[in-house]
């Protein structure tokens, strides 16, 4: 499969990134796990759909048909929809009903489909209407900015499950796997990656990368040496191609 994408940063404090793309051909590539929530707009064969995609606790395979157009809105960790139970979104996609050919229904109101250019305004409107909320404690806890003893472990766990559908430990494990994959892609040896990323041993690293990234350490290293990278390579001006 060939997939071309363009990604930009966001001015909204609630959005991690915005990506637009289209599939040049069909295929079923390996995709990594994901800790963030996404809102996804798809157009294919004349139809348009708007999805809420929750966190993915393990890697898997995603199928795309040729000619599909997609818009991914990656929400910052801690951004969630309080009227929807977070745990029901883990490892799931929820299709929102169409209100018209240009809009969808969300919490009793019709919302026009966002575009790559107006996503920040779209998300900020959702925040103002209370459909989206953001818990700043999530980022503070992950960045080590919480004062020791400021919250009980039970309260902290509840806040993470409410805002992300995951525990803090699950998110930290995924981020460590991402760091390990990046080290391997940059040419760091497998044994050095074990030490630098904080794994017990090589089998521990292998299990983690297979679960969260979808490749073994050796496979990631070979792809990097071949100049392919585990997911994509940049071709021009912020546009990427995934093969």
C-alpha atoms as a PDB file:
ATOM      1  CA  UNK A   1       0.000   0.000   0.000  1.00  0.00           C
ATOM      2  CA  UNK A   2       1.052   3.574  -0.658  1.00  0.00           C
ATOM      3  CA  UNK A   3      -0.373   6.302   1.553  1.00  0.00           C
ATOM      4  CA  UNK A   4       0.496   9.970   1.175  1.00  0.00           C
ATOM      5  CA  UNK A   5       0.004  12.317   4.130  1.00  0.00           C
ATOM      6  CA  UNK A   6       0.630  15.881   5.207  1.00  0.00           C
ATOM      7  CA  UNK A   7       0.827  16.718   8.919  1.00  0.00           C
ATOM      8  CA  UNK A   8       0.802  20.053  10.681  1.00  0.00           C
ATOM      9  CA  UNK A   9       1.055  21.185  14.277  1.00  0.00           C
ATOM     10  CA  UNK A  10      -1.990  22.727  15.892  1.00  0.00           C
ATOM     11  CA  UNK A  11      -2.563  26.078  17.572  1.00  0.00           C
ATOM     12  CA  UNK A  12      -5.223  24.479  19.760  1.00  0.00           C
ATOM     13  CA  UNK A  13      -3.991  23.382  23.215  1.00  0.00           C
ATOM     14  CA  UNK A  14      -6.261  20.347  22.906  1.00  0.00           C
ATOM     15  CA  UNK A  15      -4.893  18.976  19.618  1.00  0.00           C
ATOM     16  CA  UNK A  16      -1.579  17.167  19.204  1.00  0.00           C
ATOM     17  CA  UNK A  17      -1.524  17.224  15.397  1.00  0.00           C
ATOM     18  CA  UNK A  18      -3.689  17.281  12.280  1.00  0.00           C
ATOM     19  CA  UNK A  19      -2.999  14.969   9.345  1.00  0.00           C
ATOM     20  CA  UNK A  20      -4.614  14.822   5.919  1.00  0.00           C
ATOM     21  CA  UNK A  21      -3.921  11.980   3.523  1.00  0.00           C
ATOM     22  CA  UNK A  22      -5.118   9.696   0.777  1.00  0.00           C
ATOM     23  CA  UNK A  23      -4.413   6.121  -0.257  1.00  0.00           C
ATOM     24  CA  UNK A  24      -2.828   5.662  -3.664  1.00  0.00           C
ATOM     25  CA  UNK A  25      -3.382   1.906  -3.563  1.00  0.00           C
ATOM     26  CA  UNK A  26      -5.051  -0.623  -1.290  1.00  0.00           C
ATOM     27  CA  UNK A  27      -3.256  -2.633   1.372  1.00  0.00           C
ATOM     28  CA  UNK A  28      -3.093  -3.776   4.995  1.00  0.00           C
ATOM     29  CA  UNK A  29      -0.008  -2.369   6.771  1.00  0.00           C
ATOM     30  CA  UNK A  30       0.954  -2.938  10.393  1.00  0.00           C
ATOM     31  CA  UNK A  31      -0.042  -0.047  12.617  1.00  0.00           C
ATOM     32  CA  UNK A  32       1.318   0.620  16.118  1.00  0.00           C
ATOM     33  CA  UNK A  33      -0.653   0.890  19.336  1.00  0.00           C
ATOM     34  CA  UNK A  34      -1.984   4.338  20.199  1.00  0.00           C
ATOM     35  CA  UNK A  35      -2.594   6.140  23.492  1.00  0.00           C
ATOM     36  CA  UNK A  36      -4.339   9.215  22.064  1.00  0.00           C
ATOM     37  CA  UNK A  37      -7.957   9.642  21.060  1.00  0.00           C
ATOM     38  CA  UNK A  38      -8.603  10.596  17.428  1.00  0.00           C
ATOM     39  CA  UNK A  39     -11.417  12.091  15.440  1.00  0.00           C
ATOM     40  CA  UNK A  40     -11.263  10.753  11.882  1.00  0.00           C
ATOM     41  CA  UNK A  41     -13.037  11.956   8.756  1.00  0.00           C
ATOM     42  CA  UNK A  42     -13.041   9.527   5.825  1.00  0.00           C
ATOM     43  CA  UNK A  43     -14.229   9.938   2.261  1.00  0.00           C
ATOM     44  CA  UNK A  44     -14.363   6.932  -0.043  1.00  0.00           C
ATOM     45  CA  UNK A  45     -16.509   5.883  -3.015  1.00  0.00           C
ATOM     46  CA  UNK A  46     -18.660   8.996  -2.692  1.00  0.00           C
ATOM     47  CA  UNK A  47     -19.466   8.521   0.988  1.00  0.00           C
ATOM     48  CA  UNK A  48     -18.299  10.493   4.039  1.00  0.00           C
ATOM     49  CA  UNK A  49     -17.984   9.191   7.607  1.00  0.00           C
ATOM     50  CA  UNK A  50     -16.913  10.773  10.889  1.00  0.00           C
ATOM     51  CA  UNK A  51     -15.437   8.462  13.537  1.00  0.00           C
ATOM     52  CA  UNK A  52     -14.295   8.690  17.135  1.00  0.00           C
ATOM     53  CA  UNK A  53     -11.310   6.340  17.567  1.00  0.00           C
ATOM     54  CA  UNK A  54     -10.168   5.411  21.034  1.00  0.00           C
ATOM     55  CA  UNK A  55      -6.779   4.232  22.260  1.00  0.00           C
ATOM     56  CA  UNK A  56      -5.353   1.000  20.830  1.00  0.00           C
ATOM     57  CA  UNK A  57      -3.652  -1.163  23.438  1.00  0.00           C
ATOM     58  CA  UNK A  58      -1.612  -3.220  20.971  1.00  0.00           C
ATOM     59  CA  UNK A  59      -0.330  -3.129  17.406  1.00  0.00           C
ATOM     60  CA  UNK A  60      -2.415  -4.591  14.612  1.00  0.00           C
ATOM     61  CA  UNK A  61      -3.249  -4.462  10.932  1.00  0.00           C
ATOM     62  CA  UNK A  62      -5.284  -1.693   9.335  1.00  0.00           C
ATOM     63  CA  UNK A  63      -6.872  -2.078   5.903  1.00  0.00           C
ATOM     64  CA  UNK A  64      -7.290   0.732   3.376  1.00  0.00           C
ATOM     65  CA  UNK A  65      -8.867   0.745  -0.043  1.00  0.00           C
ATOM     66  CA  UNK A  66      -7.447   2.758  -2.917  1.00  0.00           C
ATOM     67  CA  UNK A  67      -8.743   6.303  -3.309  1.00  0.00           C
ATOM     68  CA  UNK A  68      -9.665   6.869   0.346  1.00  0.00           C
ATOM     69  CA  UNK A  69      -9.263  10.398   1.727  1.00  0.00           C
ATOM     70  CA  UNK A  70      -8.747  10.800   5.466  1.00  0.00           C
ATOM     71  CA  UNK A  71      -8.408  13.572   8.027  1.00  0.00           C
ATOM     72  CA  UNK A  72      -6.931  12.583  11.402  1.00  0.00           C
ATOM     73  CA  UNK A  73      -7.337  14.895  14.402  1.00  0.00           C
ATOM     74  CA  UNK A  74      -5.034  13.621  17.134  1.00  0.00           C
ATOM     75  CA  UNK A  75      -6.213  14.949  20.491  1.00  0.00           C
ATOM     76  CA  UNK A  76      -3.751  15.713  23.268  1.00  0.00           C
ATOM     77  CA  UNK A  77      -3.621  13.245  26.121  1.00  0.00           C
ATOM     78  CA  UNK A  78      -6.168  14.315  28.685  1.00  0.00           C
ATOM     79  CA  UNK A  79      -8.708  15.564  26.118  1.00  0.00           C
ATOM     80  CA  UNK A  80     -11.922  13.517  26.190  1.00  0.00           C
ATOM     81  CA  UNK A  81     -15.714  13.563  25.753  1.00  0.00           C
ATOM     82  CA  UNK A  82     -17.301  13.530  29.224  1.00  0.00           C
ATOM     83  CA  UNK A  83     -20.705  12.340  27.952  1.00  0.00           C
ATOM     84  CA  UNK A  84     -19.179   9.162  26.501  1.00  0.00           C
ATOM     85  CA  UNK A  85     -17.731   6.388  28.726  1.00  0.00           C
ATOM     86  CA  UNK A  86     -13.987   6.348  27.909  1.00  0.00           C
ATOM     87  CA  UNK A  87     -13.530   2.612  28.377  1.00  0.00           C
ATOM     88  CA  UNK A  88     -16.060   1.822  25.673  1.00  0.00           C
ATOM     89  CA  UNK A  89     -13.757   3.560  23.187  1.00  0.00           C
ATOM     90  CA  UNK A  90     -10.618   1.546  23.969  1.00  0.00           C
ATOM     91  CA  UNK A  91      -9.741  -0.636  20.962  1.00  0.00           C
ATOM     92  CA  UNK A  92     -12.853   0.623  19.187  1.00  0.00           C
ATOM     93  CA  UNK A  93     -14.078   3.066  16.572  1.00  0.00           C
ATOM     94  CA  UNK A  94     -17.497   4.709  16.915  1.00  0.00           C
ATOM     95  CA  UNK A  95     -19.238   5.947  13.787  1.00  0.00           C
ATOM     96  CA  UNK A  96     -21.242   9.138  14.338  1.00  0.00           C
ATOM     97  CA  UNK A  97     -24.515   9.374  12.369  1.00  0.00           C
ATOM     98  CA  UNK A  98     -24.786  11.679   9.372  1.00  0.00           C
ATOM     99  CA  UNK A  99     -26.935  14.800   9.722  1.00  0.00           C
ATOM    100  CA  UNK A 100     -26.542  15.661   6.023  1.00  0.00           C
ATOM    101  CA  UNK A 101     -23.995  15.243   3.260  1.00  0.00           C
ATOM    102  CA  UNK A 102     -21.883  17.908   4.998  1.00  0.00           C
ATOM    103  CA  UNK A 103     -22.566  17.316   8.700  1.00  0.00           C
ATOM    104  CA  UNK A 104     -22.803  14.707  11.469  1.00  0.00           C
ATOM    105  CA  UNK A 105     -24.726  14.396  14.740  1.00  0.00           C
ATOM    106  CA  UNK A 106     -22.911  14.723  18.079  1.00  0.00           C
ATOM    107  CA  UNK A 107     -24.677  15.086  21.435  1.00  0.00           C
ATOM    108  CA  UNK A 108     -27.941  16.171  19.837  1.00  0.00           C
ATOM    109  CA  UNK A 109     -26.480  18.824  17.525  1.00  0.00           C
ATOM    110  CA  UNK A 110     -25.453  18.828  13.867  1.00  0.00           C
ATOM    111  CA  UNK A 111     -21.793  19.694  13.265  1.00  0.00           C
ATOM    112  CA  UNK A 112     -20.311  20.483   9.872  1.00  0.00           C
ATOM    113  CA  UNK A 113     -17.442  18.213   8.872  1.00  0.00           C
ATOM    114  CA  UNK A 114     -14.099  19.842   9.711  1.00  0.00           C
ATOM    115  CA  UNK A 115     -11.384  20.539   7.158  1.00  0.00           C
ATOM    116  CA  UNK A 116      -7.596  20.387   7.389  1.00  0.00           C
ATOM    117  CA  UNK A 117      -7.521  24.181   7.635  1.00  0.00           C
ATOM    118  CA  UNK A 118     -10.286  24.810  10.205  1.00  0.00           C
ATOM    119  CA  UNK A 119      -9.688  21.904  12.599  1.00  0.00           C
ATOM    120  CA  UNK A 120      -8.423  24.128  15.420  1.00  0.00           C
ATOM    121  CA  UNK A 121     -11.582  26.273  15.327  1.00  0.00           C
ATOM    122  CA  UNK A 122     -13.706  23.115  15.151  1.00  0.00           C
ATOM    123  CA  UNK A 123     -12.085  21.608  18.258  1.00  0.00           C
ATOM    124  CA  UNK A 124     -12.199  24.887  20.173  1.00  0.00           C
ATOM    125  CA  UNK A 125     -15.936  25.119  19.476  1.00  0.00           C
ATOM    126  CA  UNK A 126     -16.404  21.600  20.842  1.00  0.00           C
ATOM    127  CA  UNK A 127     -14.567  22.707  23.985  1.00  0.00           C
ATOM    128  CA  UNK A 128     -16.742  25.818  24.394  1.00  0.00           C
ATOM    129  CA  UNK A 129     -19.891  23.695  24.079  1.00  0.00           C
ATOM    130  CA  UNK A 130     -18.598  21.274  26.737  1.00  0.00           C
ATOM    131  CA  UNK A 131     -18.550  18.324  24.322  1.00  0.00           C
ATOM    132  CA  UNK A 132     -14.805  18.075  24.777  1.00  0.00           C
ATOM    133  CA  UNK A 133     -12.978  18.605  28.062  1.00  0.00           C
ATOM    134  CA  UNK A 134      -9.315  18.549  28.996  1.00  0.00           C
ATOM    135  CA  UNK A 135      -7.759  17.338  32.250  1.00  0.00           C
ATOM    136  CA  UNK A 136      -4.364  19.091  32.681  1.00  0.00           C
ATOM    137  CA  UNK A 137      -3.427  16.636  35.421  1.00  0.00           C
ATOM    138  CA  UNK A 138      -2.736  13.973  32.793  1.00  0.00           C
ATOM    139  CA  UNK A 139       0.098  15.893  31.142  1.00  0.00           C
ATOM    140  CA  UNK A 140       1.452  17.030  34.497  1.00  0.00           C
ATOM    141  CA  UNK A 141       1.592  13.455  35.795  1.00  0.00           C
ATOM    142  CA  UNK A 142       3.279  12.118  32.658  1.00  0.00           C
ATOM    143  CA  UNK A 143       5.827  14.959  32.670  1.00  0.00           C
ATOM    144  CA  UNK A 144       6.661  14.482  36.360  1.00  0.00           C
ATOM    145  CA  UNK A 145       5.233  17.885  37.326  1.00  0.00           C
ATOM    146  CA  UNK A 146       2.863  16.646  40.047  1.00  0.00           C
ATOM    147  CA  UNK A 147       3.874  17.374  43.621  1.00  0.00           C
ATOM    148  CA  UNK A 148       4.496  14.138  45.561  1.00  0.00           C
ATOM    149  CA  UNK A 149       1.482  13.267  47.675  1.00  0.00           C
ATOM    150  CA  UNK A 150      -0.766  15.861  46.033  1.00  0.00           C
ATOM    151  CA  UNK A 151      -3.186  13.132  44.931  1.00  0.00           C
ATOM    152  CA  UNK A 152      -3.887   9.658  46.227  1.00  0.00           C
ATOM    153  CA  UNK A 153      -2.988   6.775  43.857  1.00  0.00           C
ATOM    154  CA  UNK A 154      -6.694   5.894  43.652  1.00  0.00           C
ATOM    155  CA  UNK A 155      -7.671   9.433  42.594  1.00  0.00           C
ATOM    156  CA  UNK A 156      -4.847   9.594  40.044  1.00  0.00           C
ATOM    157  CA  UNK A 157      -5.865   6.254  38.554  1.00  0.00           C
ATOM    158  CA  UNK A 158      -9.499   7.416  38.311  1.00  0.00           C
ATOM    159  CA  UNK A 159      -8.509  10.634  36.544  1.00  0.00           C
ATOM    160  CA  UNK A 160      -6.408   8.719  33.982  1.00  0.00           C
ATOM    161  CA  UNK A 161      -9.173   6.211  33.285  1.00  0.00           C
ATOM    162  CA  UNK A 162     -11.757   9.004  32.971  1.00  0.00           C
ATOM    163  CA  UNK A 163      -9.702  11.124  30.576  1.00  0.00           C
ATOM    164  CA  UNK A 164      -7.798   8.507  28.583  1.00  0.00           C
ATOM    165  CA  UNK A 165      -9.449   5.122  29.148  1.00  0.00           C
ATOM    166  CA  UNK A 166      -6.014   3.831  30.218  1.00  0.00           C
ATOM    167  CA  UNK A 167      -3.835   3.746  33.303  1.00  0.00           C
ATOM    168  CA  UNK A 168      -0.740   5.900  33.608  1.00  0.00           C
ATOM    169  CA  UNK A 169       1.371   2.742  33.537  1.00  0.00           C
ATOM    170  CA  UNK A 170      -0.057   1.634  30.176  1.00  0.00           C
ATOM    171  CA  UNK A 171       0.746   5.008  28.623  1.00  0.00           C
ATOM    172  CA  UNK A 172       4.296   5.000  30.056  1.00  0.00           C
ATOM    173  CA  UNK A 173       4.925   1.511  28.660  1.00  0.00           C
ATOM    174  CA  UNK A 174       3.854   2.624  25.193  1.00  0.00           C
ATOM    175  CA  UNK A 175       6.000   5.756  25.324  1.00  0.00           C
ATOM    176  CA  UNK A 176       8.996   3.645  26.338  1.00  0.00           C
ATOM    177  CA  UNK A 177       8.400   1.365  23.347  1.00  0.00           C
ATOM    178  CA  UNK A 178       8.277   4.425  21.085  1.00  0.00           C
ATOM    179  CA  UNK A 179      11.583   5.620  22.508  1.00  0.00           C
ATOM    180  CA  UNK A 180      13.157   2.201  21.984  1.00  0.00           C
ATOM    181  CA  UNK A 181      11.962   2.084  18.370  1.00  0.00           C
ATOM    182  CA  UNK A 182      13.401   5.550  17.761  1.00  0.00           C
ATOM    183  CA  UNK A 183      16.751   4.482  19.199  1.00  0.00           C
ATOM    184  CA  UNK A 184      16.868   1.433  16.941  1.00  0.00           C
ATOM    185  CA  UNK A 185      15.910   3.519  13.910  1.00  0.00           C
ATOM    186  CA  UNK A 186      18.754   5.907  14.677  1.00  0.00           C
ATOM    187  CA  UNK A 187      21.278   3.070  14.623  1.00  0.00           C
ATOM    188  CA  UNK A 188      21.607   2.259  18.341  1.00  0.00           C
ATOM    189  CA  UNK A 189      22.311  -1.446  18.875  1.00  0.00           C
ATOM    190  CA  UNK A 190      19.681  -3.739  20.382  1.00  0.00           C
ATOM    191  CA  UNK A 191      21.683  -4.311  23.570  1.00  0.00           C
ATOM    192  CA  UNK A 192      22.325  -0.594  24.033  1.00  0.00           C
ATOM    193  CA  UNK A 193      18.633   0.090  23.417  1.00  0.00           C
ATOM    194  CA  UNK A 194      17.734  -2.356  26.194  1.00  0.00           C
ATOM    195  CA  UNK A 195      19.842  -0.326  28.620  1.00  0.00           C
ATOM    196  CA  UNK A 196      18.965   3.172  27.395  1.00  0.00           C
ATOM    197  CA  UNK A 197      15.213   2.545  27.272  1.00  0.00           C
ATOM    198  CA  UNK A 198      15.177   0.831  30.663  1.00  0.00           C
ATOM    199  CA  UNK A 199      14.220  -2.747  29.777  1.00  0.00           C
ATOM    200  CA  UNK A 200      15.196  -5.739  31.913  1.00  0.00           C
ATOM    201  CA  UNK A 201      16.692  -7.704  29.031  1.00  0.00           C
ATOM    202  CA  UNK A 202      16.363  -8.292  25.285  1.00  0.00           C
ATOM    203  CA  UNK A 203      13.300 -10.596  25.543  1.00  0.00           C
ATOM    204  CA  UNK A 204      11.538  -7.865  27.544  1.00  0.00           C
ATOM    205  CA  UNK A 205      12.324  -5.345  24.788  1.00  0.00           C
ATOM    206  CA  UNK A 206      11.149  -7.745  22.091  1.00  0.00           C
ATOM    207  CA  UNK A 207       7.810  -8.422  23.813  1.00  0.00           C
ATOM    208  CA  UNK A 208       7.204  -4.714  24.307  1.00  0.00           C
ATOM    209  CA  UNK A 209       7.996  -3.732  20.717  1.00  0.00           C
ATOM    210  CA  UNK A 210       5.904  -6.559  19.274  1.00  0.00           C
ATOM    211  CA  UNK A 211       2.951  -5.516  21.411  1.00  0.00           C
ATOM    212  CA  UNK A 212       3.129  -1.769  20.911  1.00  0.00           C
ATOM    213  CA  UNK A 213       4.996  -1.208  17.616  1.00  0.00           C
ATOM    214  CA  UNK A 214       4.275  -4.430  15.729  1.00  0.00           C
ATOM    215  CA  UNK A 215       7.902  -5.260  14.872  1.00  0.00           C
ATOM    216  CA  UNK A 216      10.750  -7.019  16.649  1.00  0.00           C
ATOM    217  CA  UNK A 217      13.920  -5.045  17.456  1.00  0.00           C
ATOM    218  CA  UNK A 218      15.780  -6.850  14.665  1.00  0.00           C
ATOM    219  CA  UNK A 219      13.062  -6.010  12.144  1.00  0.00           C
ATOM    220  CA  UNK A 220      13.123  -2.319  13.110  1.00  0.00           C
ATOM    221  CA  UNK A 221      16.915  -2.236  12.847  1.00  0.00           C
ATOM    222  CA  UNK A 222      16.851  -3.922   9.410  1.00  0.00           C
ATOM    223  CA  UNK A 223      14.212  -1.516   8.099  1.00  0.00           C
ATOM    224  CA  UNK A 224      16.288   1.415   9.341  1.00  0.00           C
ATOM    225  CA  UNK A 225      19.435   0.064   7.683  1.00  0.00           C
ATOM    226  CA  UNK A 226      17.528  -0.359   4.433  1.00  0.00           C
ATOM    227  CA  UNK A 227      16.512   3.308   4.621  1.00  0.00           C
ATOM    228  CA  UNK A 228      12.810   2.507   4.818  1.00  0.00           C
ATOM    229  CA  UNK A 229      12.027   3.246   8.456  1.00  0.00           C
ATOM    230  CA  UNK A 230       9.416   1.378  10.430  1.00  0.00           C
ATOM    231  CA  UNK A 231       6.529   3.512   9.234  1.00  0.00           C
ATOM    232  CA  UNK A 232       7.275   6.066   6.565  1.00  0.00           C
ATOM    233  CA  UNK A 233       9.814   8.278   4.843  1.00  0.00           C
ATOM    234  CA  UNK A 234       9.543  11.971   4.058  1.00  0.00           C
ATOM    235  CA  UNK A 235       9.464  12.904   0.386  1.00  0.00           C
ATOM    236  CA  UNK A 236       8.850  16.674   0.189  1.00  0.00           C
ATOM    237  CA  UNK A 237       7.676  19.688   2.154  1.00  0.00           C
ATOM    238  CA  UNK A 238       5.916  17.902   4.984  1.00  0.00           C
ATOM    239  CA  UNK A 239       4.369  15.269   2.746  1.00  0.00           C
ATOM    240  CA  UNK A 240       5.082  11.679   3.650  1.00  0.00           C
ATOM    241  CA  UNK A 241       4.643   8.370   1.902  1.00  0.00           C
ATOM    242  CA  UNK A 242       4.052   5.124   3.756  1.00  0.00           C
ATOM    243  CA  UNK A 243       4.897   1.854   2.083  1.00  0.00           C
END
